[in-house]
C-alpha cells in the first residue's frame, strides 16, 4: 500500500493542521448542484484559497485545475475557494468569470468574510499567505498543506522551490488516490 510521506511538510507553515478535518460547511457554493455544499468524504480533494487581485493565485489556479486532468478519476476533485481582499460582498457570476479567466473550470466556493479560512488555518498561528492549498483524504482529513503563495510546474531555475512544491503535491495526490484503489486489508 502506498503511504503518504509528509517529510518537509511538518517543517513548513501548515504542518500543524495536518491530521485535522477541514470544515467547509460555511462556504457559499457556486458550482455545485443547487449550490448545495459539496461532499468531500469519499474523494481525495484539493482545496485552494484564492483571490482575483493576487498574482500568485493567477499563476496557481491553472495548475490546481490541471491536477484534475493529471489525475482524471471519480475519486478526485478540486475546489477553488474565493476569499475577497478585503472581505466584502461579492457577486457570484463575477467570481466564476474570474476563475475562468485564470483557467480554472472546476468547483468554486466563496469564503466571503474569511470565516472558514480563519477557523481552519489563520487563527491557529501566524501565516505568511492566505492563498493556501489543502489536500484532503477520502475522510476529509488534511493530509498535505501547501502554505502558498504559489504552486505550479516550472523548469525555470529561479522557480525550483515552486516546482518542487508542485511535484510534492502531485506525489501526495497520487499516494492518496492509491490508498482508495488499494484499501487496507
N, C-alpha and C. Protein backbone atom coordinates (compact mmCIF):
# COMPACT_ATOMS: atom_id res chain seq x y z
N UNK A 1 0.84 -1.19 0.00
CA UNK A 1 0.00 0.00 0.00
C UNK A 1 0.88 1.24 0.00
N UNK A 2 0.53 2.22 -0.83
CA UNK A 2 1.28 3.48 -0.87
C UNK A 2 1.04 4.25 0.41
N UNK A 3 2.05 4.92 0.87
CA UNK A 3 1.96 5.69 2.10
C UNK A 3 2.28 7.14 1.79
N UNK A 4 1.49 8.04 2.32
CA UNK A 4 1.73 9.46 2.12
C UNK A 4 2.84 9.90 3.06
N UNK A 5 3.92 10.37 2.48
CA UNK A 5 5.05 10.86 3.27
C UNK A 5 4.96 12.37 3.36
N UNK A 6 4.93 12.89 4.58
CA UNK A 6 4.84 14.32 4.75
C UNK A 6 6.23 14.95 4.67
N UNK A 7 7.25 14.31 5.25
CA UNK A 7 8.62 14.80 5.16
C UNK A 7 8.77 16.24 5.58
N UNK A 8 9.21 17.09 4.65
CA UNK A 8 9.45 18.51 4.93
C UNK A 8 8.18 19.24 5.33
N UNK A 9 7.03 18.68 4.99
CA UNK A 9 5.76 19.34 5.27
C UNK A 9 5.64 19.74 6.74
N UNK A 10 6.09 18.90 7.64
CA UNK A 10 5.99 19.20 9.06
C UNK A 10 6.79 20.45 9.42
N UNK A 11 7.82 20.76 8.66
CA UNK A 11 8.67 21.90 8.96
C UNK A 11 8.13 23.20 8.38
N UNK A 12 7.23 23.11 7.42
CA UNK A 12 6.71 24.31 6.75
C UNK A 12 5.43 24.76 7.42
N UNK A 13 5.07 25.99 7.19
CA UNK A 13 3.82 26.52 7.72
C UNK A 13 2.66 25.67 7.24
N UNK A 14 1.83 25.25 8.15
CA UNK A 14 0.67 24.43 7.78
C UNK A 14 0.76 23.01 8.26
N UNK A 15 1.95 22.54 8.57
CA UNK A 15 2.09 21.17 9.06
C UNK A 15 1.33 20.93 10.35
N UNK A 16 1.05 21.99 11.11
CA UNK A 16 0.33 21.86 12.37
C UNK A 16 -1.14 21.48 12.18
N UNK A 17 -1.70 21.66 10.99
CA UNK A 17 -3.10 21.30 10.78
C UNK A 17 -3.26 19.94 10.09
N UNK A 18 -2.13 19.35 9.66
CA UNK A 18 -2.19 18.02 9.06
C UNK A 18 -2.77 17.06 10.10
N UNK A 19 -3.75 16.27 9.68
CA UNK A 19 -4.40 15.33 10.58
C UNK A 19 -5.73 15.82 11.12
N UNK A 20 -6.05 17.10 10.88
CA UNK A 20 -7.35 17.62 11.32
C UNK A 20 -8.33 17.65 10.16
N UNK A 21 -9.60 17.75 10.49
CA UNK A 21 -10.66 17.81 9.48
C UNK A 21 -10.80 19.24 8.99
N UNK A 22 -10.93 19.43 7.69
CA UNK A 22 -11.17 20.75 7.12
C UNK A 22 -12.67 20.96 7.04
N UNK A 23 -13.17 21.91 7.82
CA UNK A 23 -14.60 22.19 7.88
C UNK A 23 -14.96 23.22 6.81
N UNK A 24 -15.67 22.78 5.78
CA UNK A 24 -16.06 23.65 4.66
C UNK A 24 -17.54 23.99 4.70
N UNK A 25 -18.20 23.72 5.81
CA UNK A 25 -19.66 23.84 5.87
C UNK A 25 -20.17 25.28 5.73
N UNK A 26 -19.38 26.27 6.06
CA UNK A 26 -19.86 27.66 6.00
C UNK A 26 -19.48 28.39 4.72
N UNK A 27 -19.06 27.66 3.70
CA UNK A 27 -18.77 28.29 2.41
C UNK A 27 -20.06 28.50 1.63
N UNK A 28 -20.03 29.46 0.72
CA UNK A 28 -21.12 29.64 -0.25
C UNK A 28 -20.67 28.93 -1.52
N UNK A 29 -21.43 27.94 -1.96
CA UNK A 29 -21.04 27.11 -3.10
C UNK A 29 -21.65 27.65 -4.38
N UNK A 30 -20.83 27.77 -5.43
CA UNK A 30 -21.29 28.36 -6.69
C UNK A 30 -21.40 27.34 -7.82
N UNK A 31 -20.68 26.29 -7.76
CA UNK A 31 -20.56 25.39 -8.89
C UNK A 31 -21.04 23.98 -8.57
N UNK A 32 -21.97 23.87 -7.66
CA UNK A 32 -22.50 22.56 -7.31
C UNK A 32 -23.98 22.53 -7.63
N UNK A 33 -24.54 21.35 -7.67
CA UNK A 33 -25.96 21.22 -7.96
C UNK A 33 -26.77 21.96 -6.91
N UNK A 34 -27.60 22.88 -7.34
CA UNK A 34 -28.42 23.72 -6.46
C UNK A 34 -27.60 24.49 -5.44
N UNK A 35 -26.31 24.70 -5.72
CA UNK A 35 -25.40 25.42 -4.83
C UNK A 35 -25.38 24.85 -3.42
N UNK A 36 -25.58 23.55 -3.34
CA UNK A 36 -25.51 22.85 -2.05
C UNK A 36 -24.05 22.59 -1.69
N UNK A 37 -23.74 22.46 -0.39
CA UNK A 37 -22.36 22.16 0.00
C UNK A 37 -21.86 20.88 -0.68
N UNK A 38 -20.63 20.91 -1.08
CA UNK A 38 -20.01 19.77 -1.74
C UNK A 38 -19.57 18.75 -0.70
N UNK A 39 -19.83 17.51 -0.97
CA UNK A 39 -19.38 16.43 -0.09
C UNK A 39 -17.93 16.10 -0.40
N UNK A 40 -17.09 16.16 0.60
CA UNK A 40 -15.68 15.86 0.37
C UNK A 40 -15.31 14.47 0.86
N UNK A 41 -16.15 13.83 1.65
CA UNK A 41 -15.82 12.47 2.07
C UNK A 41 -16.06 11.52 0.91
N UNK A 42 -15.20 10.53 0.82
CA UNK A 42 -15.28 9.56 -0.26
C UNK A 42 -14.41 9.89 -1.45
N UNK A 43 -13.82 11.10 -1.46
CA UNK A 43 -12.94 11.52 -2.56
C UNK A 43 -11.70 12.19 -1.99
N UNK A 44 -10.62 12.12 -2.73
CA UNK A 44 -9.45 12.93 -2.44
C UNK A 44 -9.78 14.32 -2.99
N UNK A 45 -9.57 15.35 -2.17
CA UNK A 45 -10.00 16.70 -2.53
C UNK A 45 -8.87 17.69 -2.32
N UNK A 46 -8.59 18.47 -3.35
CA UNK A 46 -7.61 19.55 -3.26
C UNK A 46 -8.38 20.87 -3.19
N UNK A 47 -8.18 21.62 -2.11
CA UNK A 47 -8.88 22.88 -1.88
C UNK A 47 -7.86 24.01 -1.88
N UNK A 48 -8.09 25.00 -2.72
CA UNK A 48 -7.16 26.15 -2.83
C UNK A 48 -7.91 27.45 -2.58
N UNK A 49 -7.44 28.26 -1.61
CA UNK A 49 -7.98 29.60 -1.40
C UNK A 49 -7.31 30.55 -2.38
N UNK A 50 -8.09 31.45 -2.99
CA UNK A 50 -7.55 32.37 -3.99
C UNK A 50 -8.36 33.66 -3.99
N UNK A 51 -7.79 34.66 -4.63
CA UNK A 51 -8.49 35.93 -4.83
C UNK A 51 -8.06 36.51 -6.17
N UNK A 52 -8.88 37.37 -6.72
CA UNK A 52 -8.63 37.88 -8.06
C UNK A 52 -7.55 38.95 -8.12
N UNK A 53 -7.13 39.50 -7.01
CA UNK A 53 -6.10 40.54 -7.02
C UNK A 53 -4.71 39.98 -6.73
N UNK A 54 -4.59 38.67 -6.67
CA UNK A 54 -3.33 38.02 -6.28
C UNK A 54 -2.63 37.41 -7.51
N UNK A 55 -1.43 37.89 -7.85
CA UNK A 55 -0.71 37.32 -9.00
C UNK A 55 -0.30 35.86 -8.75
N UNK A 56 -0.08 35.50 -7.50
CA UNK A 56 0.28 34.11 -7.16
C UNK A 56 -0.90 33.18 -7.42
N UNK A 57 -2.10 33.65 -7.12
CA UNK A 57 -3.31 32.86 -7.38
C UNK A 57 -3.53 32.71 -8.89
N UNK A 58 -3.32 33.78 -9.62
CA UNK A 58 -3.45 33.74 -11.08
C UNK A 58 -2.49 32.71 -11.67
N UNK A 59 -1.28 32.64 -11.12
CA UNK A 59 -0.29 31.67 -11.60
C UNK A 59 -0.60 30.25 -11.14
N UNK A 60 -1.30 30.11 -10.02
CA UNK A 60 -1.52 28.78 -9.43
C UNK A 60 -2.81 28.10 -9.86
N UNK A 61 -3.87 28.85 -10.10
CA UNK A 61 -5.16 28.21 -10.40
C UNK A 61 -5.13 27.28 -11.61
N UNK A 62 -4.42 27.60 -12.69
CA UNK A 62 -4.36 26.63 -13.79
C UNK A 62 -3.75 25.30 -13.35
N UNK A 63 -2.75 25.34 -12.49
CA UNK A 63 -2.11 24.11 -12.01
C UNK A 63 -3.04 23.33 -11.09
N UNK A 64 -3.79 24.05 -10.26
CA UNK A 64 -4.74 23.37 -9.37
C UNK A 64 -5.76 22.62 -10.21
N UNK A 65 -6.34 23.30 -11.20
CA UNK A 65 -7.30 22.63 -12.08
C UNK A 65 -6.60 21.54 -12.90
N UNK A 66 -5.35 21.78 -13.26
CA UNK A 66 -4.58 20.80 -14.03
C UNK A 66 -4.41 19.47 -13.33
N UNK A 67 -4.42 19.47 -12.01
CA UNK A 67 -4.35 18.20 -11.28
C UNK A 67 -5.55 17.31 -11.62
N UNK A 68 -6.72 17.91 -11.91
CA UNK A 68 -7.90 17.13 -12.31
C UNK A 68 -7.66 16.41 -13.62
N UNK A 69 -6.90 17.07 -14.50
CA UNK A 69 -6.59 16.46 -15.79
C UNK A 69 -5.44 15.46 -15.66
N UNK A 70 -4.52 15.72 -14.74
CA UNK A 70 -3.41 14.80 -14.49
C UNK A 70 -3.89 13.52 -13.80
N UNK A 71 -4.89 13.66 -12.94
CA UNK A 71 -5.45 12.52 -12.21
C UNK A 71 -6.95 12.44 -12.46
N UNK A 72 -7.35 12.10 -13.71
CA UNK A 72 -8.79 12.03 -14.01
C UNK A 72 -9.40 10.82 -13.31
N UNK A 73 -10.21 11.08 -12.33
CA UNK A 73 -10.79 10.00 -11.54
C UNK A 73 -12.05 10.51 -10.86
N UNK A 74 -13.02 9.63 -10.70
CA UNK A 74 -14.20 9.98 -9.92
C UNK A 74 -13.85 10.10 -8.45
N UNK A 75 -12.64 9.67 -8.07
CA UNK A 75 -12.19 9.71 -6.68
C UNK A 75 -11.40 10.98 -6.35
N UNK A 76 -11.30 11.93 -7.29
CA UNK A 76 -10.52 13.15 -7.07
C UNK A 76 -11.29 14.37 -7.55
N UNK A 77 -11.20 15.45 -6.76
CA UNK A 77 -11.85 16.71 -7.14
C UNK A 77 -11.03 17.89 -6.62
N UNK A 78 -11.22 19.04 -7.27
CA UNK A 78 -10.59 20.28 -6.81
C UNK A 78 -11.68 21.29 -6.49
N UNK A 79 -11.36 22.15 -5.54
CA UNK A 79 -12.27 23.24 -5.15
C UNK A 79 -11.44 24.51 -5.05
N UNK A 80 -11.87 25.56 -5.74
CA UNK A 80 -11.23 26.87 -5.64
C UNK A 80 -12.11 27.75 -4.76
N UNK A 81 -11.60 28.11 -3.58
CA UNK A 81 -12.36 28.91 -2.63
C UNK A 81 -11.92 30.37 -2.73
N UNK A 82 -12.82 31.20 -3.20
CA UNK A 82 -12.54 32.63 -3.36
C UNK A 82 -12.68 33.33 -2.01
N UNK A 83 -11.68 34.11 -1.64
CA UNK A 83 -11.75 34.94 -0.44
C UNK A 83 -11.38 36.37 -0.84
N UNK A 84 -12.37 37.26 -0.90
CA UNK A 84 -12.12 38.61 -1.39
C UNK A 84 -11.21 39.39 -0.45
N UNK A 85 -10.31 40.17 -1.07
CA UNK A 85 -9.43 41.07 -0.30
C UNK A 85 -9.77 42.49 -0.69
N UNK A 86 -10.27 43.29 0.24
CA UNK A 86 -10.63 42.96 1.61
C UNK A 86 -11.94 42.18 1.64
N UNK A 87 -12.25 41.51 2.78
CA UNK A 87 -13.53 40.80 2.87
C UNK A 87 -14.69 41.74 2.57
N UNK A 88 -15.60 41.28 1.71
CA UNK A 88 -16.74 42.10 1.30
C UNK A 88 -17.74 41.23 0.57
N UNK A 89 -18.93 41.80 0.31
CA UNK A 89 -19.92 41.10 -0.50
C UNK A 89 -19.40 41.01 -1.93
N UNK A 90 -19.59 39.87 -2.55
CA UNK A 90 -19.15 39.67 -3.93
C UNK A 90 -20.26 39.03 -4.73
N UNK A 91 -20.22 39.25 -6.03
CA UNK A 91 -21.25 38.73 -6.94
C UNK A 91 -20.78 37.41 -7.52
N UNK A 92 -21.61 36.40 -7.42
CA UNK A 92 -21.25 35.04 -7.83
C UNK A 92 -20.77 34.97 -9.27
N UNK A 93 -21.49 35.60 -10.19
CA UNK A 93 -21.09 35.50 -11.60
C UNK A 93 -19.72 36.14 -11.84
N UNK A 94 -19.39 37.18 -11.10
CA UNK A 94 -18.07 37.81 -11.23
C UNK A 94 -16.96 36.88 -10.76
N UNK A 95 -17.23 36.14 -9.71
CA UNK A 95 -16.23 35.19 -9.18
C UNK A 95 -16.03 34.05 -10.17
N UNK A 96 -17.11 33.52 -10.70
CA UNK A 96 -16.99 32.43 -11.68
C UNK A 96 -16.23 32.90 -12.92
N UNK A 97 -16.49 34.12 -13.36
CA UNK A 97 -15.77 34.68 -14.51
C UNK A 97 -14.29 34.85 -14.19
N UNK A 98 -13.98 35.32 -12.99
CA UNK A 98 -12.58 35.49 -12.59
C UNK A 98 -11.86 34.13 -12.54
N UNK A 99 -12.56 33.10 -12.09
CA UNK A 99 -11.96 31.76 -12.07
C UNK A 99 -11.68 31.28 -13.50
N UNK A 100 -12.65 31.47 -14.40
CA UNK A 100 -12.45 31.07 -15.80
C UNK A 100 -11.31 31.84 -16.45
N UNK A 101 -11.20 33.13 -16.14
CA UNK A 101 -10.09 33.94 -16.68
C UNK A 101 -8.74 33.40 -16.22
N UNK A 102 -8.73 32.73 -15.07
CA UNK A 102 -7.50 32.16 -14.53
C UNK A 102 -7.38 30.67 -14.86
N UNK A 103 -8.13 30.25 -15.89
CA UNK A 103 -8.08 28.88 -16.41
C UNK A 103 -8.47 27.83 -15.38
N UNK A 104 -9.42 28.19 -14.50
CA UNK A 104 -9.96 27.23 -13.55
C UNK A 104 -11.42 27.01 -13.89
N UNK A 105 -11.78 25.77 -14.18
CA UNK A 105 -13.15 25.46 -14.57
C UNK A 105 -13.74 24.37 -13.69
N UNK A 106 -13.29 24.31 -12.46
CA UNK A 106 -13.80 23.32 -11.52
C UNK A 106 -14.81 23.94 -10.57
N UNK A 107 -14.98 23.30 -9.44
CA UNK A 107 -15.93 23.73 -8.42
C UNK A 107 -15.39 24.98 -7.73
N UNK A 108 -16.28 25.96 -7.55
CA UNK A 108 -15.91 27.23 -6.92
C UNK A 108 -16.82 27.46 -5.72
N UNK A 109 -16.22 27.96 -4.65
CA UNK A 109 -16.96 28.35 -3.45
C UNK A 109 -16.44 29.71 -3.00
N UNK A 110 -17.15 30.33 -2.06
CA UNK A 110 -16.78 31.65 -1.56
C UNK A 110 -16.67 31.62 -0.04
N UNK A 111 -15.58 32.19 0.46
CA UNK A 111 -15.37 32.40 1.89
C UNK A 111 -15.36 33.91 2.08
N UNK A 112 -16.54 34.50 2.02
CA UNK A 112 -16.72 35.95 1.89
C UNK A 112 -16.04 36.75 2.98
N UNK A 113 -16.16 36.34 4.22
CA UNK A 113 -15.56 37.06 5.35
C UNK A 113 -14.36 36.32 5.91
N UNK A 114 -13.85 35.36 5.18
CA UNK A 114 -12.69 34.56 5.57
C UNK A 114 -12.97 33.69 6.80
N UNK A 115 -14.22 33.47 7.11
CA UNK A 115 -14.61 32.72 8.31
C UNK A 115 -14.01 31.31 8.32
N UNK A 116 -14.13 30.62 7.21
CA UNK A 116 -13.64 29.24 7.14
C UNK A 116 -12.11 29.21 7.16
N UNK A 117 -11.48 30.12 6.43
CA UNK A 117 -10.02 30.21 6.41
C UNK A 117 -9.48 30.52 7.81
N UNK A 118 -10.11 31.45 8.50
CA UNK A 118 -9.67 31.78 9.86
C UNK A 118 -9.85 30.59 10.80
N UNK A 119 -11.01 29.98 10.75
CA UNK A 119 -11.32 28.86 11.66
C UNK A 119 -10.36 27.68 11.47
N UNK A 120 -10.03 27.38 10.23
CA UNK A 120 -9.24 26.19 9.94
C UNK A 120 -7.74 26.42 9.83
N UNK A 121 -7.32 27.68 9.64
CA UNK A 121 -5.91 27.90 9.33
C UNK A 121 -5.33 29.17 9.95
N UNK A 122 -5.91 30.32 9.66
CA UNK A 122 -5.29 31.58 10.07
C UNK A 122 -5.28 31.79 11.59
N UNK A 123 -6.32 31.35 12.29
CA UNK A 123 -6.38 31.55 13.74
C UNK A 123 -5.50 30.58 14.52
N UNK A 124 -4.94 29.59 13.86
CA UNK A 124 -4.13 28.59 14.55
C UNK A 124 -2.74 29.12 14.89
N UNK A 125 -2.15 29.92 14.01
CA UNK A 125 -0.85 30.55 14.25
C UNK A 125 -0.60 31.56 13.14
N UNK A 126 0.46 32.31 13.26
CA UNK A 126 0.78 33.33 12.24
C UNK A 126 1.15 32.64 10.92
N UNK A 127 0.57 33.11 9.82
CA UNK A 127 0.81 32.53 8.49
C UNK A 127 1.37 33.57 7.54
N UNK A 128 2.14 33.13 6.57
CA UNK A 128 2.74 34.07 5.63
C UNK A 128 1.85 34.37 4.42
N UNK A 129 0.83 33.54 4.17
CA UNK A 129 -0.03 33.75 3.00
C UNK A 129 -1.43 33.24 3.29
N UNK A 130 -2.40 33.81 2.60
CA UNK A 130 -3.77 33.32 2.71
C UNK A 130 -4.13 32.41 1.54
N UNK A 131 -3.29 32.37 0.52
CA UNK A 131 -3.54 31.54 -0.66
C UNK A 131 -2.97 30.14 -0.41
N UNK A 132 -3.61 29.44 0.50
CA UNK A 132 -3.18 28.13 0.97
C UNK A 132 -3.92 27.04 0.20
N UNK A 133 -3.29 25.87 0.08
CA UNK A 133 -3.93 24.70 -0.52
C UNK A 133 -3.90 23.56 0.49
N UNK A 134 -5.05 22.88 0.62
CA UNK A 134 -5.16 21.73 1.50
C UNK A 134 -5.49 20.51 0.66
N UNK A 135 -4.81 19.42 0.90
CA UNK A 135 -5.14 18.15 0.25
C UNK A 135 -5.78 17.27 1.30
N UNK A 136 -7.01 16.84 1.02
CA UNK A 136 -7.79 16.04 1.95
C UNK A 136 -7.85 14.59 1.49
N UNK A 137 -7.81 13.68 2.44
CA UNK A 137 -8.02 12.28 2.10
C UNK A 137 -9.50 12.00 1.96
N UNK A 138 -9.88 10.76 1.71
CA UNK A 138 -11.28 10.43 1.45
C UNK A 138 -12.17 10.56 2.68
N UNK A 139 -11.59 10.78 3.85
CA UNK A 139 -12.38 11.05 5.05
C UNK A 139 -12.52 12.55 5.34
N UNK A 140 -11.93 13.40 4.48
CA UNK A 140 -11.98 14.84 4.68
C UNK A 140 -10.92 15.34 5.64
N UNK A 141 -9.90 14.52 5.90
CA UNK A 141 -8.82 14.88 6.81
C UNK A 141 -7.67 15.50 6.01
N UNK A 142 -7.11 16.60 6.53
CA UNK A 142 -5.99 17.26 5.87
C UNK A 142 -4.77 16.36 5.95
N UNK A 143 -4.21 16.04 4.78
CA UNK A 143 -3.01 15.20 4.72
C UNK A 143 -1.79 15.93 4.19
N UNK A 144 -2.01 17.07 3.53
CA UNK A 144 -0.90 17.83 2.97
C UNK A 144 -1.34 19.28 2.88
N UNK A 145 -0.45 20.19 3.25
CA UNK A 145 -0.74 21.62 3.16
C UNK A 145 0.35 22.28 2.33
N UNK A 146 -0.07 23.05 1.35
CA UNK A 146 0.87 23.93 0.67
C UNK A 146 0.54 25.33 1.16
N UNK A 147 1.43 25.97 1.92
CA UNK A 147 1.10 27.24 2.57
C UNK A 147 1.07 28.45 1.65
N UNK A 148 1.24 28.23 0.34
CA UNK A 148 1.22 29.34 -0.59
C UNK A 148 2.57 30.01 -0.65
N UNK A 149 2.71 31.05 -1.35
CA UNK A 149 1.63 31.69 -2.09
C UNK A 149 1.42 31.11 -3.49
N UNK A 150 2.43 30.41 -4.06
CA UNK A 150 2.31 29.98 -5.46
C UNK A 150 2.69 28.51 -5.60
N UNK A 151 1.98 27.83 -6.49
CA UNK A 151 2.29 26.43 -6.80
C UNK A 151 1.93 26.17 -8.26
N UNK A 152 2.92 25.71 -9.01
CA UNK A 152 2.70 25.33 -10.41
C UNK A 152 3.96 24.65 -10.92
N UNK A 153 3.86 23.91 -12.00
CA UNK A 153 5.08 23.30 -12.55
C UNK A 153 5.92 24.36 -13.25
N UNK A 154 7.24 24.16 -13.19
CA UNK A 154 8.14 25.11 -13.86
C UNK A 154 9.49 24.47 -14.08
N UNK A 155 10.12 24.78 -15.20
CA UNK A 155 11.51 24.37 -15.40
C UNK A 155 12.43 25.58 -15.35
N UNK A 156 11.93 26.70 -14.86
CA UNK A 156 12.74 27.89 -14.67
C UNK A 156 13.65 27.67 -13.45
N UNK A 157 14.97 27.78 -13.61
CA UNK A 157 15.89 27.57 -12.49
C UNK A 157 15.61 28.48 -11.28
N UNK A 158 15.01 29.63 -11.53
CA UNK A 158 14.69 30.53 -10.43
C UNK A 158 13.43 30.10 -9.67
N UNK A 159 12.72 29.13 -10.19
CA UNK A 159 11.49 28.67 -9.56
C UNK A 159 11.58 27.20 -9.13
N UNK A 160 12.76 26.77 -8.75
CA UNK A 160 12.95 25.37 -8.33
C UNK A 160 12.07 25.01 -7.14
N UNK A 161 11.93 25.92 -6.17
CA UNK A 161 11.10 25.64 -5.00
C UNK A 161 9.63 25.51 -5.38
N UNK A 162 9.18 26.36 -6.30
CA UNK A 162 7.79 26.30 -6.76
C UNK A 162 7.53 24.96 -7.45
N UNK A 163 8.44 24.55 -8.31
CA UNK A 163 8.27 23.27 -8.99
C UNK A 163 8.35 22.10 -8.00
N UNK A 164 9.28 22.18 -7.04
CA UNK A 164 9.39 21.12 -6.03
C UNK A 164 8.08 20.98 -5.26
N UNK A 165 7.47 22.11 -4.87
CA UNK A 165 6.19 22.07 -4.17
C UNK A 165 5.11 21.43 -5.03
N UNK A 166 5.10 21.77 -6.30
CA UNK A 166 4.13 21.19 -7.23
C UNK A 166 4.32 19.67 -7.31
N UNK A 167 5.57 19.24 -7.44
CA UNK A 167 5.85 17.80 -7.52
C UNK A 167 5.46 17.09 -6.23
N UNK A 168 5.70 17.71 -5.08
CA UNK A 168 5.30 17.11 -3.80
C UNK A 168 3.79 16.98 -3.71
N UNK A 169 3.06 18.01 -4.15
CA UNK A 169 1.60 17.93 -4.15
C UNK A 169 1.13 16.81 -5.07
N UNK A 170 1.74 16.72 -6.24
CA UNK A 170 1.37 15.68 -7.19
C UNK A 170 1.59 14.28 -6.60
N UNK A 171 2.73 14.09 -5.95
CA UNK A 171 3.02 12.79 -5.31
C UNK A 171 2.04 12.51 -4.18
N UNK A 172 1.66 13.53 -3.43
CA UNK A 172 0.71 13.34 -2.34
C UNK A 172 -0.67 12.95 -2.88
N UNK A 173 -1.11 13.58 -3.97
CA UNK A 173 -2.39 13.22 -4.59
C UNK A 173 -2.34 11.76 -5.05
N UNK A 174 -1.28 11.41 -5.73
CA UNK A 174 -1.12 10.04 -6.23
C UNK A 174 -1.15 9.03 -5.09
N UNK A 175 -0.47 9.33 -3.99
CA UNK A 175 -0.44 8.42 -2.84
C UNK A 175 -1.83 8.25 -2.24
N UNK A 176 -2.57 9.36 -2.09
CA UNK A 176 -3.91 9.26 -1.51
C UNK A 176 -4.87 8.52 -2.44
N UNK A 177 -4.75 8.74 -3.74
CA UNK A 177 -5.61 8.02 -4.68
C UNK A 177 -5.30 6.53 -4.67
N UNK A 178 -4.04 6.17 -4.52
CA UNK A 178 -3.68 4.74 -4.48
C UNK A 178 -4.24 4.08 -3.23
N UNK A 179 -4.40 4.83 -2.15
CA UNK A 179 -4.99 4.28 -0.93
C UNK A 179 -6.46 3.95 -1.13
N UNK A 180 -7.15 4.73 -1.94
CA UNK A 180 -8.55 4.43 -2.25
C UNK A 180 -8.63 3.19 -3.11
N UNK A 181 -7.75 3.09 -4.10
CA UNK A 181 -7.79 1.97 -5.02
C UNK A 181 -7.24 0.69 -4.43
N UNK A 182 -6.42 0.80 -3.38
CA UNK A 182 -5.88 -0.36 -2.69
C UNK A 182 -6.21 -0.24 -1.21
N UNK A 183 -7.49 -0.45 -0.84
CA UNK A 183 -7.86 -0.26 0.57
C UNK A 183 -7.08 -1.22 1.47
N UNK A 184 -6.82 -0.74 2.71
CA UNK A 184 -6.07 -1.58 3.64
C UNK A 184 -6.86 -2.82 3.98
N UNK A 185 -6.12 -3.88 4.24
CA UNK A 185 -6.76 -5.19 4.47
C UNK A 185 -7.05 -5.40 5.92
